[in-house]
Each structure stands twice: as C-alpha cells, then as structure tokens.
PDB file of all heavy atoms in Angstrom:
ATOM      1  N   ALA A   1       0.830  -1.209   0.000  1.00  0.00           N
ATOM      2  CA  ALA A   1       0.000   0.000   0.000  1.00  0.00           C
ATOM      3  C   ALA A   1       0.865   1.260   0.000  1.00  0.00           C
ATOM      4  O   ALA A   1       0.533   2.255  -0.656  1.00  0.00           O
ATOM      5  CB  ALA A   1      -0.925  -0.009   1.220  1.00  0.00           C
ATOM      6  N   LEU A   2       1.961   1.212   0.733  1.00  0.00           N
ATOM      7  CA  LEU A   2       2.859   2.364   0.751  1.00  0.00           C
ATOM      8  C   LEU A   2       3.462   2.613  -0.631  1.00  0.00           C
ATOM      9  O   LEU A   2       3.588   3.764  -1.059  1.00  0.00           O
ATOM     10  CB  LEU A   2       3.975   2.143   1.781  1.00  0.00           C
ATOM     11  CG  LEU A   2       3.606   2.362   3.248  1.00  0.00           C
ATOM     12  CD1 LEU A   2       4.787   2.000   4.141  1.00  0.00           C
ATOM     13  CD2 LEU A   2       3.170   3.800   3.501  1.00  0.00           C
ATOM     14  N   ARG A   3       3.842   1.548  -1.318  1.00  0.00           N
ATOM     15  CA  ARG A   3       4.413   1.729  -2.659  1.00  0.00           C
ATOM     16  C   ARG A   3       3.391   2.370  -3.594  1.00  0.00           C
ATOM     17  O   ARG A   3       3.737   3.202  -4.436  1.00  0.00           O
ATOM     18  CB  ARG A   3       4.924   0.397  -3.204  1.00  0.00           C
ATOM     19  CG  ARG A   3       6.328   0.037  -2.714  1.00  0.00           C
ATOM     20  CD  ARG A   3       6.908  -1.120  -3.506  1.00  0.00           C
ATOM     21  NE  ARG A   3       6.272  -2.368  -3.121  1.00  0.00           N
ATOM     22  CZ  ARG A   3       6.730  -3.178  -2.169  1.00  0.00           C
ATOM     23  NH1 ARG A   3       7.821  -2.845  -1.511  1.00  0.00           N
ATOM     24  NH2 ARG A   3       6.111  -4.303  -1.884  1.00  0.00           N
ATOM     25  N   LYS A   4       2.126   1.961  -3.471  1.00  0.00           N
ATOM     26  CA  LYS A   4       1.075   2.558  -4.305  1.00  0.00           C
ATOM     27  C   LYS A   4       0.896   4.033  -3.955  1.00  0.00           C
ATOM     28  O   LYS A   4       0.658   4.866  -4.836  1.00  0.00           O
ATOM     29  CB  LYS A   4      -0.232   1.806  -4.116  1.00  0.00           C
ATOM     30  CG  LYS A   4      -0.258   0.429  -4.755  1.00  0.00           C
ATOM     31  CD  LYS A   4      -1.620  -0.233  -4.567  1.00  0.00           C
ATOM     32  CE  LYS A   4      -1.646  -1.609  -5.224  1.00  0.00           C
ATOM     33  NZ  LYS A   4      -2.966  -2.286  -5.031  1.00  0.00           N
ATOM     34  N   ALA A   5       1.003   4.353  -2.671  1.00  0.00           N
ATOM     35  CA  ALA A   5       0.842   5.745  -2.244  1.00  0.00           C
ATOM     36  C   ALA A   5       1.958   6.637  -2.775  1.00  0.00           C
ATOM     37  O   ALA A   5       1.777   7.849  -2.909  1.00  0.00           O
ATOM     38  CB  ALA A   5       0.785   5.810  -0.724  1.00  0.00           C
ATOM     39  N   PHE A   6       3.107   6.034  -3.057  1.00  0.00           N
ATOM     40  CA  PHE A   6       4.262   6.797  -3.565  1.00  0.00           C
ATOM     41  C   PHE A   6       4.618   6.327  -4.972  1.00  0.00           C
ATOM     42  O   PHE A   6       5.785   6.134  -5.305  1.00  0.00           O
ATOM     43  CB  PHE A   6       5.443   6.651  -2.608  1.00  0.00           C
ATOM     44  CG  PHE A   6       5.196   7.269  -1.265  1.00  0.00           C
ATOM     45  CD1 PHE A   6       4.683   6.510  -0.220  1.00  0.00           C
ATOM     46  CD2 PHE A   6       5.434   8.612  -1.054  1.00  0.00           C
ATOM     47  CE1 PHE A   6       4.430   7.078   1.021  1.00  0.00           C
ATOM     48  CE2 PHE A   6       5.189   9.198   0.185  1.00  0.00           C
ATOM     49  CZ  PHE A   6       4.677   8.428   1.224  1.00  0.00           C
ATOM     50  N   ALA A   7       3.598   6.175  -5.803  1.00  0.00           N
ATOM     51  CA  ALA A   7       3.784   5.674  -7.169  1.00  0.00           C
ATOM     52  C   ALA A   7       4.587   6.633  -8.030  1.00  0.00           C
ATOM     53  O   ALA A   7       5.095   6.238  -9.085  1.00  0.00           O
ATOM     54  CB  ALA A   7       2.420   5.411  -7.807  1.00  0.00           C
ATOM     55  N   HIS A   8       4.709   7.899  -7.591  1.00  0.00           N
ATOM     56  CA  HIS A   8       5.510   8.854  -8.366  1.00  0.00           C
ATOM     57  C   HIS A   8       7.007   8.569  -8.231  1.00  0.00           C
ATOM     58  O   HIS A   8       7.826   9.209  -8.892  1.00  0.00           O
ATOM     59  CB  HIS A   8       5.208  10.284  -7.923  1.00  0.00           C
ATOM     60  CG  HIS A   8       5.592  10.592  -6.511  1.00  0.00           C
ATOM     61  ND1 HIS A   8       4.907  10.096  -5.423  1.00  0.00           N
ATOM     62  CD2 HIS A   8       6.600  11.347  -5.993  1.00  0.00           C
ATOM     63  CE1 HIS A   8       5.466  10.531  -4.315  1.00  0.00           C
ATOM     64  NE2 HIS A   8       6.495  11.296  -4.617  1.00  0.00           N
ATOM     65  N   ILE A   9       7.354   7.602  -7.368  1.00  0.00           N
ATOM     66  CA  ILE A   9       8.748   7.147  -7.252  1.00  0.00           C
ATOM     67  C   ILE A   9       8.755   5.668  -7.628  1.00  0.00           C
ATOM     68  O   ILE A   9       8.676   4.788  -6.764  1.00  0.00           O
ATOM     69  CB  ILE A   9       9.279   7.357  -5.819  1.00  0.00           C
ATOM     70  CG1 ILE A   9       9.088   8.813  -5.401  1.00  0.00           C
ATOM     71  CG2 ILE A   9      10.759   6.983  -5.729  1.00  0.00           C
ATOM     72  CD1 ILE A   9       9.493   9.100  -3.977  1.00  0.00           C
ATOM     73  N   PRO A  10       8.812   5.365  -8.923  1.00  0.00           N
ATOM     74  CA  PRO A  10       8.680   3.963  -9.364  1.00  0.00           C
ATOM     75  C   PRO A  10       9.810   3.071  -8.876  1.00  0.00           C
ATOM     76  O   PRO A  10       9.616   1.850  -8.743  1.00  0.00           O
ATOM     77  CB  PRO A  10       8.658   4.074 -10.891  1.00  0.00           C
ATOM     78  CG  PRO A  10       9.322   5.390 -11.194  1.00  0.00           C
ATOM     79  CD  PRO A  10       8.977   6.286 -10.063  1.00  0.00           C
ATOM     80  N   ASN A  11      10.973   3.644  -8.637  1.00  0.00           N
ATOM     81  CA  ASN A  11      12.116   2.848  -8.187  1.00  0.00           C
ATOM     82  C   ASN A  11      12.265   2.931  -6.671  1.00  0.00           C
ATOM     83  O   ASN A  11      13.291   3.343  -6.139  1.00  0.00           O
ATOM     84  CB  ASN A  11      13.398   3.323  -8.882  1.00  0.00           C
ATOM     85  CG  ASN A  11      13.344   3.125 -10.382  1.00  0.00           C
ATOM     86  OD1 ASN A  11      12.997   2.047 -10.855  1.00  0.00           O
ATOM     87  ND2 ASN A  11      13.663   4.161 -11.134  1.00  0.00           N
ATOM     88  N   LEU A  12      11.209   2.522  -5.989  1.00  0.00           N
ATOM     89  CA  LEU A  12      11.185   2.562  -4.524  1.00  0.00           C
ATOM     90  C   LEU A  12      11.121   1.139  -3.984  1.00  0.00           C
ATOM     91  O   LEU A  12      10.196   0.390  -4.287  1.00  0.00           O
ATOM     92  CB  LEU A  12       9.981   3.363  -4.030  1.00  0.00           C
ATOM     93  CG  LEU A  12       9.709   3.358  -2.518  1.00  0.00           C
ATOM     94  CD1 LEU A  12      10.888   3.948  -1.754  1.00  0.00           C
ATOM     95  CD2 LEU A  12       8.419   4.098  -2.199  1.00  0.00           C
ATOM     96  N   GLU A  13      12.121   0.789  -3.196  1.00  0.00           N
ATOM     97  CA  GLU A  13      12.168  -0.517  -2.541  1.00  0.00           C
ATOM     98  C   GLU A  13      12.016  -0.310  -1.037  1.00  0.00           C
ATOM     99  O   GLU A  13      12.760   0.466  -0.434  1.00  0.00           O
ATOM    100  CB  GLU A  13      13.503  -1.215  -2.849  1.00  0.00           C
ATOM    101  CG  GLU A  13      13.697  -2.537  -2.132  1.00  0.00           C
ATOM    102  CD  GLU A  13      15.086  -3.128  -2.355  1.00  0.00           C
ATOM    103  OE1 GLU A  13      15.793  -2.673  -3.280  1.00  0.00           O
ATOM    104  OE2 GLU A  13      15.471  -4.023  -1.584  1.00  0.00           O
ATOM    105  N   LEU A  14      11.041  -0.985  -0.446  1.00  0.00           N
ATOM    106  CA  LEU A  14      10.794  -0.870   0.994  1.00  0.00           C
ATOM    107  C   LEU A  14      11.114  -2.200   1.667  1.00  0.00           C
ATOM    108  O   LEU A  14      10.669  -3.256   1.233  1.00  0.00           O
ATOM    109  CB  LEU A  14       9.331  -0.499   1.254  1.00  0.00           C
ATOM    110  CG  LEU A  14       8.860   0.848   0.702  1.00  0.00           C
ATOM    111  CD1 LEU A  14       7.369   1.037   0.957  1.00  0.00           C
ATOM    112  CD2 LEU A  14       9.656   2.000   1.299  1.00  0.00           C
ATOM    113  N   ARG A  15      11.879  -2.107   2.746  1.00  0.00           N
ATOM    114  CA  ARG A  15      12.212  -3.303   3.531  1.00  0.00           C
ATOM    115  C   ARG A  15      11.656  -3.120   4.935  1.00  0.00           C
ATOM    116  O   ARG A  15      12.055  -2.193   5.653  1.00  0.00           O
ATOM    117  CB  ARG A  15      13.731  -3.520   3.566  1.00  0.00           C
ATOM    118  CG  ARG A  15      14.345  -3.673   2.179  1.00  0.00           C
ATOM    119  CD  ARG A  15      15.770  -4.183   2.237  1.00  0.00           C
ATOM    120  NE  ARG A  15      16.661  -3.267   2.928  1.00  0.00           N
ATOM    121  CZ  ARG A  15      17.969  -3.480   3.103  1.00  0.00           C
ATOM    122  NH1 ARG A  15      18.516  -4.590   2.633  1.00  0.00           N
ATOM    123  NH2 ARG A  15      18.719  -2.603   3.738  1.00  0.00           N
ATOM    124  N   ASP A  16      10.748  -3.989   5.314  1.00  0.00           N
ATOM    125  CA  ASP A  16      10.085  -3.879   6.612  1.00  0.00           C
ATOM    126  C   ASP A  16      10.894  -4.580   7.688  1.00  0.00           C
ATOM    127  O   ASP A  16      11.010  -5.802   7.710  1.00  0.00           O
ATOM    128  CB  ASP A  16       8.686  -4.497   6.523  1.00  0.00           C
ATOM    129  CG  ASP A  16       7.899  -4.315   7.825  1.00  0.00           C
ATOM    130  OD1 ASP A  16       8.395  -3.597   8.721  1.00  0.00           O
ATOM    131  OD2 ASP A  16       6.800  -4.885   7.928  1.00  0.00           O
ATOM    132  N   ARG A  17      11.462  -3.780   8.579  1.00  0.00           N
ATOM    133  CA  ARG A  17      12.212  -4.313   9.723  1.00  0.00           C
ATOM    134  C   ARG A  17      11.581  -3.818  11.028  1.00  0.00           C
ATOM    135  O   ARG A  17      12.245  -3.739  12.046  1.00  0.00           O
ATOM    136  CB  ARG A  17      13.684  -3.880   9.652  1.00  0.00           C
ATOM    137  CG  ARG A  17      14.426  -4.355   8.406  1.00  0.00           C
ATOM    138  CD  ARG A  17      14.627  -5.858   8.394  1.00  0.00           C
ATOM    139  NE  ARG A  17      15.482  -6.264   7.279  1.00  0.00           N
ATOM    140  CZ  ARG A  17      15.034  -6.574   6.072  1.00  0.00           C
ATOM    141  NH1 ARG A  17      13.726  -6.515   5.824  1.00  0.00           N
ATOM    142  NH2 ARG A  17      15.867  -6.939   5.117  1.00  0.00           N
ATOM    143  N   THR A  18      10.301  -3.460  10.953  1.00  0.00           N
ATOM    144  CA  THR A  18       9.614  -2.991  12.155  1.00  0.00           C
ATOM    145  C   THR A  18       9.296  -4.169  13.082  1.00  0.00           C
ATOM    146  O   THR A  18       9.312  -5.330  12.670  1.00  0.00           O
ATOM    147  CB  THR A  18       8.308  -2.268  11.795  1.00  0.00           C
ATOM    148  OG1 THR A  18       7.437  -3.171  11.089  1.00  0.00           O
ATOM    149  CG2 THR A  18       8.582  -1.050  10.931  1.00  0.00           C
ATOM    150  N   VAL A  19       9.007  -3.841  14.329  1.00  0.00           N
ATOM    151  CA  VAL A  19       8.687  -4.834  15.351  1.00  0.00           C
ATOM    152  C   VAL A  19       7.321  -4.493  15.943  1.00  0.00           C
ATOM    153  O   VAL A  19       7.029  -3.315  16.177  1.00  0.00           O
ATOM    154  CB  VAL A  19       9.762  -4.833  16.466  1.00  0.00           C
ATOM    155  CG1 VAL A  19       9.408  -5.824  17.561  1.00  0.00           C
ATOM    156  CG2 VAL A  19      11.134  -5.154  15.872  1.00  0.00           C
ATOM    157  N   PRO A  20       6.464  -5.494  16.170  1.00  0.00           N
ATOM    158  CA  PRO A  20       5.150  -5.202  16.755  1.00  0.00           C
ATOM    159  C   PRO A  20       5.281  -4.456  18.078  1.00  0.00           C
ATOM    160  O   PRO A  20       6.173  -4.735  18.879  1.00  0.00           O
ATOM    161  CB  PRO A  20       4.534  -6.594  16.957  1.00  0.00           C
ATOM    162  CG  PRO A  20       5.220  -7.452  15.943  1.00  0.00           C
ATOM    163  CD  PRO A  20       6.612  -6.915  15.836  1.00  0.00           C
ATOM    164  N   GLU A  21       4.357  -3.532  18.308  1.00  0.00           N
ATOM    165  CA  GLU A  21       4.393  -2.689  19.497  1.00  0.00           C
ATOM    166  C   GLU A  21       4.400  -3.512  20.785  1.00  0.00           C
ATOM    167  O   GLU A  21       5.048  -3.152  21.762  1.00  0.00           O
ATOM    168  CB  GLU A  21       3.175  -1.749  19.495  1.00  0.00           C
ATOM    169  CG  GLU A  21       3.172  -0.704  20.581  1.00  0.00           C
ATOM    170  CD  GLU A  21       4.046   0.492  20.259  1.00  0.00           C
ATOM    171  OE1 GLU A  21       4.309   0.743  19.065  1.00  0.00           O
ATOM    172  OE2 GLU A  21       4.481   1.167  21.202  1.00  0.00           O
ATOM    173  N   THR A  22       3.677  -4.622  20.818  1.00  0.00           N
ATOM    174  CA  THR A  22       3.578  -5.423  22.045  1.00  0.00           C
ATOM    175  C   THR A  22       4.934  -5.956  22.481  1.00  0.00           C
ATOM    176  O   THR A  22       5.135  -6.275  23.659  1.00  0.00           O
ATOM    177  CB  THR A  22       2.620  -6.608  21.841  1.00  0.00           C
ATOM    178  OG1 THR A  22       3.034  -7.371  20.698  1.00  0.00           O
ATOM    179  CG2 THR A  22       1.192  -6.114  21.623  1.00  0.00           C
ATOM    180  N   ASP A  23       5.883  -6.068  21.568  1.00  0.00           N
ATOM    181  CA  ASP A  23       7.199  -6.607  21.910  1.00  0.00           C
ATOM    182  C   ASP A  23       7.991  -5.667  22.815  1.00  0.00           C
ATOM    183  O   ASP A  23       9.010  -6.063  23.368  1.00  0.00           O
ATOM    184  CB  ASP A  23       8.006  -6.896  20.642  1.00  0.00           C
ATOM    185  CG  ASP A  23       7.537  -8.172  19.954  1.00  0.00           C
ATOM    186  OD1 ASP A  23       6.588  -8.780  20.481  1.00  0.00           O
ATOM    187  OD2 ASP A  23       8.101  -8.539  18.920  1.00  0.00           O
ATOM    188  N   ILE A  24       7.542  -4.435  22.958  1.00  0.00           N
ATOM    189  CA  ILE A  24       8.238  -3.507  23.851  1.00  0.00           C
ATOM    190  C   ILE A  24       8.299  -4.083  25.266  1.00  0.00           C
ATOM    191  O   ILE A  24       9.310  -3.976  25.958  1.00  0.00           O
ATOM    192  CB  ILE A  24       7.527  -2.139  23.877  1.00  0.00           C
ATOM    193  CG1 ILE A  24       7.661  -1.428  22.541  1.00  0.00           C
ATOM    194  CG2 ILE A  24       8.098  -1.255  24.989  1.00  0.00           C
ATOM    195  CD1 ILE A  24       6.917  -0.124  22.486  1.00  0.00           C
ATOM    196  N   TRP A  25       7.220  -4.700  25.679  1.00  0.00           N
ATOM    197  CA  TRP A  25       7.109  -5.184  27.060  1.00  0.00           C
ATOM    198  C   TRP A  25       7.389  -6.681  27.186  1.00  0.00           C
ATOM    199  O   TRP A  25       7.125  -7.287  28.220  1.00  0.00           O
ATOM    200  CB  TRP A  25       5.700  -4.891  27.596  1.00  0.00           C
ATOM    201  CG  TRP A  25       5.278  -3.479  27.356  1.00  0.00           C
ATOM    202  CD1 TRP A  25       4.389  -3.026  26.437  1.00  0.00           C
ATOM    203  CD2 TRP A  25       5.748  -2.317  28.054  1.00  0.00           C
ATOM    204  NE1 TRP A  25       4.260  -1.655  26.499  1.00  0.00           N
ATOM    205  CE2 TRP A  25       5.086  -1.197  27.494  1.00  0.00           C
ATOM    206  CE3 TRP A  25       6.659  -2.115  29.097  1.00  0.00           C
ATOM    207  CZ2 TRP A  25       5.297   0.104  27.932  1.00  0.00           C
ATOM    208  CZ3 TRP A  25       6.866  -0.819  29.533  1.00  0.00           C
ATOM    209  CH2 TRP A  25       6.198   0.273  28.963  1.00  0.00           C
ATOM    210  N   SER A  26       7.960  -7.288  26.132  1.00  0.00           N
ATOM    211  CA  SER A  26       8.096  -8.743  26.105  1.00  0.00           C
ATOM    212  C   SER A  26       9.046  -9.285  27.165  1.00  0.00           C
ATOM    213  O   SER A  26       8.940 -10.442  27.562  1.00  0.00           O
ATOM    214  CB  SER A  26       8.564  -9.197  24.714  1.00  0.00           C
ATOM    215  OG  SER A  26       9.818  -8.615  24.406  1.00  0.00           O
ATOM    216  N   HIS A  27       9.996  -8.463  27.642  1.00  0.00           N
ATOM    217  CA  HIS A  27      10.966  -8.933  28.632  1.00  0.00           C
ATOM    218  C   HIS A  27      10.632  -8.438  30.049  1.00  0.00           C
ATOM    219  O   HIS A  27      11.442  -8.561  30.965  1.00  0.00           O
ATOM    220  CB  HIS A  27      12.383  -8.463  28.256  1.00  0.00           C
ATOM    221  CG  HIS A  27      12.892  -9.055  26.981  1.00  0.00           C
ATOM    222  ND1 HIS A  27      12.395  -8.702  25.753  1.00  0.00           N
ATOM    223  CD2 HIS A  27      13.847  -9.993  26.749  1.00  0.00           C
ATOM    224  CE1 HIS A  27      13.028  -9.372  24.810  1.00  0.00           C
ATOM    225  NE2 HIS A  27      13.897 -10.173  25.383  1.00  0.00           N
ATOM    226  N   MET A  28       9.402  -7.912  30.218  1.00  0.00           N
ATOM    227  CA  MET A  28       9.043  -7.272  31.476  1.00  0.00           C
ATOM    228  C   MET A  28       9.036  -8.258  32.654  1.00  0.00           C
ATOM    229  O   MET A  28       9.319  -7.882  33.797  1.00  0.00           O
ATOM    230  CB  MET A  28       7.654  -6.637  31.322  1.00  0.00           C
ATOM    231  CG  MET A  28       7.212  -5.790  32.496  1.00  0.00           C
ATOM    232  SD  MET A  28       5.677  -4.922  32.131  1.00  0.00           S
ATOM    233  CE  MET A  28       4.537  -6.301  31.891  1.00  0.00           C
ATOM    234  N   ASP A  29       8.733  -9.527  32.393  1.00  0.00           N
ATOM    235  CA  ASP A  29       8.625 -10.516  33.468  1.00  0.00           C
ATOM    236  C   ASP A  29       9.941 -11.219  33.777  1.00  0.00           C
ATOM    237  O   ASP A  29       9.982 -12.105  34.637  1.00  0.00           O
ATOM    238  CB  ASP A  29       7.562 -11.561  33.114  1.00  0.00           C
ATOM    239  CG  ASP A  29       6.171 -10.947  33.011  1.00  0.00           C
ATOM    240  OD1 ASP A  29       5.920  -9.961  33.739  1.00  0.00           O
ATOM    241  OD2 ASP A  29       5.360 -11.447  32.205  1.00  0.00           O
ATOM    242  N   GLN A  30      10.996 -10.846  33.081  1.00  0.00           N
ATOM    243  CA  GLN A  30      12.291 -11.492  33.325  1.00  0.00           C
ATOM    244  C   GLN A  30      12.889 -11.020  34.646  1.00  0.00           C
ATOM    245  O   GLN A  30      12.711  -9.865  35.048  1.00  0.00           O
ATOM    246  CB  GLN A  30      13.265 -11.195  32.179  1.00  0.00           C
ATOM    247  CG  GLN A  30      12.933 -11.892  30.880  1.00  0.00           C
ATOM    248  CD  GLN A  30      13.981 -11.640  29.821  1.00  0.00           C
ATOM    249  OE1 GLN A  30      14.953 -10.907  30.042  1.00  0.00           O
ATOM    250  NE2 GLN A  30      13.803 -12.260  28.666  1.00  0.00           N
ATOM    251  N   ASP A  31      13.599 -11.926  35.302  1.00  0.00           N
ATOM    252  CA  ASP A  31      14.285 -11.579  36.553  1.00  0.00           C
ATOM    253  C   ASP A  31      15.664 -11.018  36.207  1.00  0.00           C
ATOM    254  O   ASP A  31      16.692 -11.692  36.323  1.00  0.00           O
ATOM    255  CB  ASP A  31      14.402 -12.833  37.440  1.00  0.00           C
ATOM    256  CG  ASP A  31      14.995 -12.500  38.812  1.00  0.00           C
ATOM    257  OD1 ASP A  31      15.032 -11.297  39.163  1.00  0.00           O
ATOM    258  OD2 ASP A  31      15.443 -13.439  39.499  1.00  0.00           O
ATOM    259  N   SER A  32      15.684  -9.786  35.752  1.00  0.00           N
ATOM    260  CA  SER A  32      16.926  -9.134  35.308  1.00  0.00           C
ATOM    261  C   SER A  32      16.758  -7.636  35.447  1.00  0.00           C
ATOM    262  O   SER A  32      15.646  -7.128  35.686  1.00  0.00           O
ATOM    263  CB  SER A  32      17.224  -9.489  33.847  1.00  0.00           C
ATOM    264  OG  SER A  32      16.196  -8.980  33.002  1.00  0.00           O
ATOM    265  N   LEU A  33      17.864  -6.901  35.297  1.00  0.00           N
ATOM    266  CA  LEU A  33      17.784  -5.441  35.335  1.00  0.00           C
ATOM    267  C   LEU A  33      16.891  -4.919  34.218  1.00  0.00           C
ATOM    268  O   LEU A  33      16.137  -3.948  34.415  1.00  0.00           O
ATOM    269  CB  LEU A  33      19.193  -4.838  35.212  1.00  0.00           C
ATOM    270  CG  LEU A  33      20.093  -4.952  36.446  1.00  0.00           C
ATOM    271  CD1 LEU A  33      21.494  -4.428  36.114  1.00  0.00           C
ATOM    272  CD2 LEU A  33      19.500  -4.164  37.624  1.00  0.00           C
ATOM    273  N   GLU A  34      16.978  -5.576  33.049  1.00  0.00           N
ATOM    274  CA  GLU A  34      16.138  -5.162  31.927  1.00  0.00           C
ATOM    275  C   GLU A  34      14.665  -5.355  32.270  1.00  0.00           C
ATOM    276  O   GLU A  34      13.834  -4.465  32.039  1.00  0.00           O
ATOM    277  CB  GLU A  34      16.499  -5.978  30.684  1.00  0.00           C
ATOM    278  CG  GLU A  34      15.699  -5.616  29.448  1.00  0.00           C
ATOM    279  CD  GLU A  34      16.095  -6.443  28.237  1.00  0.00           C
ATOM    280  OE1 GLU A  34      17.286  -6.853  28.158  1.00  0.00           O
ATOM    281  OE2 GLU A  34      15.222  -6.696  27.389  1.00  0.00           O
ATOM    282  N   GLY A  35      14.337  -6.530  32.842  1.00  0.00           N
ATOM    283  CA  GLY A  35      12.957  -6.786  33.221  1.00  0.00           C
ATOM    284  C   GLY A  35      12.470  -5.803  34.269  1.00  0.00           C
ATOM    285  O   GLY A  35      11.335  -5.298  34.203  1.00  0.00           O
ATOM    286  N   MET A  36      13.314  -5.514  35.274  1.00  0.00           N
ATOM    287  CA  MET A  36      12.940  -4.567  36.321  1.00  0.00           C
ATOM    288  C   MET A  36      12.677  -3.175  35.745  1.00  0.00           C
ATOM    289  O   MET A  36      11.720  -2.497  36.125  1.00  0.00           O
ATOM    290  CB  MET A  36      14.048  -4.499  37.378  1.00  0.00           C
ATOM    291  CG  MET A  36      13.738  -3.577  38.554  1.00  0.00           C
ATOM    292  SD  MET A  36      15.130  -3.436  39.689  1.00  0.00           S
ATOM    293  CE  MET A  36      15.289  -5.156  40.224  1.00  0.00           C
ATOM    294  N   TYR A  37      13.541  -2.771  34.812  1.00  0.00           N
ATOM    295  CA  TYR A  37      13.414  -1.450  34.201  1.00  0.00           C
ATOM    296  C   TYR A  37      12.067  -1.315  33.501  1.00  0.00           C
ATOM    297  O   TYR A  37      11.325  -0.329  33.703  1.00  0.00           O
ATOM    298  CB  TYR A  37      14.557  -1.239  33.204  1.00  0.00           C
ATOM    299  CG  TYR A  37      14.437  -0.007  32.347  1.00  0.00           C
ATOM    300  CD1 TYR A  37      14.708   1.261  32.858  1.00  0.00           C
ATOM    301  CD2 TYR A  37      14.056  -0.101  31.010  1.00  0.00           C
ATOM    302  CE1 TYR A  37      14.598   2.394  32.062  1.00  0.00           C
ATOM    303  CE2 TYR A  37      13.938   1.024  30.213  1.00  0.00           C
ATOM    304  CZ  TYR A  37      14.219   2.263  30.742  1.00  0.00           C
ATOM    305  OH  TYR A  37      14.103   3.388  29.959  1.00  0.00           O
ATOM    306  N   PHE A  38      11.699  -2.315  32.693  1.00  0.00           N
ATOM    307  CA  PHE A  38      10.437  -2.224  31.962  1.00  0.00           C
ATOM    308  C   PHE A  38       9.226  -2.389  32.891  1.00  0.00           C
ATOM    309  O   PHE A  38       8.163  -1.810  32.629  1.00  0.00           O
ATOM    310  CB  PHE A  38      10.408  -3.250  30.822  1.00  0.00           C
ATOM    311  CG  PHE A  38      11.195  -2.818  29.622  1.00  0.00           C
ATOM    312  CD1 PHE A  38      12.485  -3.265  29.410  1.00  0.00           C
ATOM    313  CD2 PHE A  38      10.654  -1.917  28.722  1.00  0.00           C
ATOM    314  CE1 PHE A  38      13.218  -2.851  28.317  1.00  0.00           C
ATOM    315  CE2 PHE A  38      11.370  -1.492  27.609  1.00  0.00           C
ATOM    316  CZ  PHE A  38      12.667  -1.949  27.408  1.00  0.00           C
ATOM    317  N   ARG A  39       9.366  -3.151  33.983  1.00  0.00           N
ATOM    318  CA  ARG A  39       8.271  -3.249  34.948  1.00  0.00           C
ATOM    319  C   ARG A  39       7.983  -1.897  35.600  1.00  0.00           C
ATOM    320  O   ARG A  39       6.838  -1.498  35.777  1.00  0.00           O
ATOM    321  CB  ARG A  39       8.606  -4.290  36.031  1.00  0.00           C
ATOM    322  CG  ARG A  39       8.393  -5.727  35.584  1.00  0.00           C
ATOM    323  CD  ARG A  39       8.349  -6.680  36.769  1.00  0.00           C
ATOM    324  NE  ARG A  39       9.563  -6.678  37.578  1.00  0.00           N
ATOM    325  CZ  ARG A  39      10.640  -7.408  37.286  1.00  0.00           C
ATOM    326  NH1 ARG A  39      10.641  -8.184  36.208  1.00  0.00           N
ATOM    327  NH2 ARG A  39      11.696  -7.374  38.072  1.00  0.00           N
ATOM    328  N   ILE A  40       9.065  -1.182  35.943  1.00  0.00           N
ATOM    329  CA  ILE A  40       8.907   0.139  36.565  1.00  0.00           C
ATOM    330  C   ILE A  40       8.188   1.098  35.608  1.00  0.00           C
ATOM    331  O   ILE A  40       7.274   1.831  36.005  1.00  0.00           O
ATOM    332  CB  ILE A  40      10.280   0.706  36.985  1.00  0.00           C
ATOM    333  CG1 ILE A  40      10.866  -0.120  38.134  1.00  0.00           C
ATOM    334  CG2 ILE A  40      10.161   2.181  37.378  1.00  0.00           C
ATOM    335  CD1 ILE A  40      12.291   0.226  38.483  1.00  0.00           C
ATOM    336  N   LEU A  41       8.605   1.059  34.314  1.00  0.00           N
ATOM    337  CA  LEU A  41       7.957   1.928  33.334  1.00  0.00           C
ATOM    338  C   LEU A  41       6.485   1.556  33.168  1.00  0.00           C
ATOM    339  O   LEU A  41       5.607   2.438  33.091  1.00  0.00           O
ATOM    340  CB  LEU A  41       8.676   1.829  31.983  1.00  0.00           C
ATOM    341  CG  LEU A  41      10.056   2.487  31.870  1.00  0.00           C
ATOM    342  CD1 LEU A  41      10.624   2.261  30.484  1.00  0.00           C
ATOM    343  CD2 LEU A  41       9.980   3.986  32.163  1.00  0.00           C
ATOM    344  N   HIS A  42       6.223   0.250  33.087  1.00  0.00           N
ATOM    345  CA  HIS A  42       4.848  -0.196  32.863  1.00  0.00           C
ATOM    346  C   HIS A  42       3.955   0.168  34.048  1.00  0.00           C
ATOM    347  O   HIS A  42       2.802   0.604  33.871  1.00  0.00           O
ATOM    348  CB  HIS A  42       4.838  -1.701  32.605  1.00  0.00           C
ATOM    349  CG  HIS A  42       3.588  -2.181  31.941  1.00  0.00           C
ATOM    350  ND1 HIS A  42       2.474  -2.559  32.660  1.00  0.00           N
ATOM    351  CD2 HIS A  42       3.264  -2.328  30.627  1.00  0.00           C
ATOM    352  CE1 HIS A  42       1.527  -2.933  31.815  1.00  0.00           C
ATOM    353  NE2 HIS A  42       1.982  -2.797  30.568  1.00  0.00           N
ATOM    354  N   GLU A  43       4.462  -0.008  35.269  1.00  0.00           N
ATOM    355  CA  GLU A  43       3.691   0.345  36.459  1.00  0.00           C
ATOM    356  C   GLU A  43       3.411   1.845  36.509  1.00  0.00           C
ATOM    357  O   GLU A  43       2.307   2.285  36.883  1.00  0.00           O
ATOM    358  CB  GLU A  43       4.442  -0.101  37.712  1.00  0.00           C
ATOM    359  CG  GLU A  43       4.478  -1.612  37.902  1.00  0.00           C
ATOM    360  CD  GLU A  43       5.407  -2.031  39.031  1.00  0.00           C
ATOM    361  OE1 GLU A  43       5.966  -1.130  39.705  1.00  0.00           O
ATOM    362  OE2 GLU A  43       5.590  -3.243  39.222  1.00  0.00           O
ATOM    363  N   ALA A  44       4.405   2.636  36.131  1.00  0.00           N
ATOM    364  CA  ALA A  44       4.221   4.084  36.102  1.00  0.00           C
ATOM    365  C   ALA A  44       3.151   4.473  35.096  1.00  0.00           C
ATOM    366  O   ALA A  44       2.351   5.388  35.334  1.00  0.00           O
ATOM    367  CB  ALA A  44       5.540   4.780  35.776  1.00  0.00           C
ATOM    368  N   MET A  45       3.128   3.785  33.955  1.00  0.00           N
ATOM    369  CA  MET A  45       2.133   4.076  32.925  1.00  0.00           C
ATOM    370  C   MET A  45       0.729   3.681  33.401  1.00  0.00           C
ATOM    371  O   MET A  45      -0.257   4.382  33.129  1.00  0.00           O
ATOM    372  CB  MET A  45       2.491   3.320  31.639  1.00  0.00           C
ATOM    373  CG  MET A  45       1.675   3.735  30.428  1.00  0.00           C
ATOM    374  SD  MET A  45       2.327   3.031  28.900  1.00  0.00           S
ATOM    375  CE  MET A  45       2.074   1.287  29.218  1.00  0.00           C
TER     376      MET A  45
END
C-alpha cells in the first residue's frame, strides 16, 4: 500500500524491519535489570 501511495517514485524498494508494538514489554517478566526497568515503566504508565 505504501508503494502505491508513492507511485511517483517507481524505483522505490521498501524493507520492513519494524517490530510489533507489544514486543516492547516482552521482557518485562524477566528476573533481570532489563525486566525490572520495563516493569517500573509499565507500572508508572
């Protein structure tokens, strides 16, 4: 759909390397500094 929206640039190559939004909190339950950090953010939110 994006390529169609930008059809005025026929030589456009798009590579999707995005990550689903839910993956932001995927490590929240881990017993680690990373898990603790995201738990604190999630609780604050």
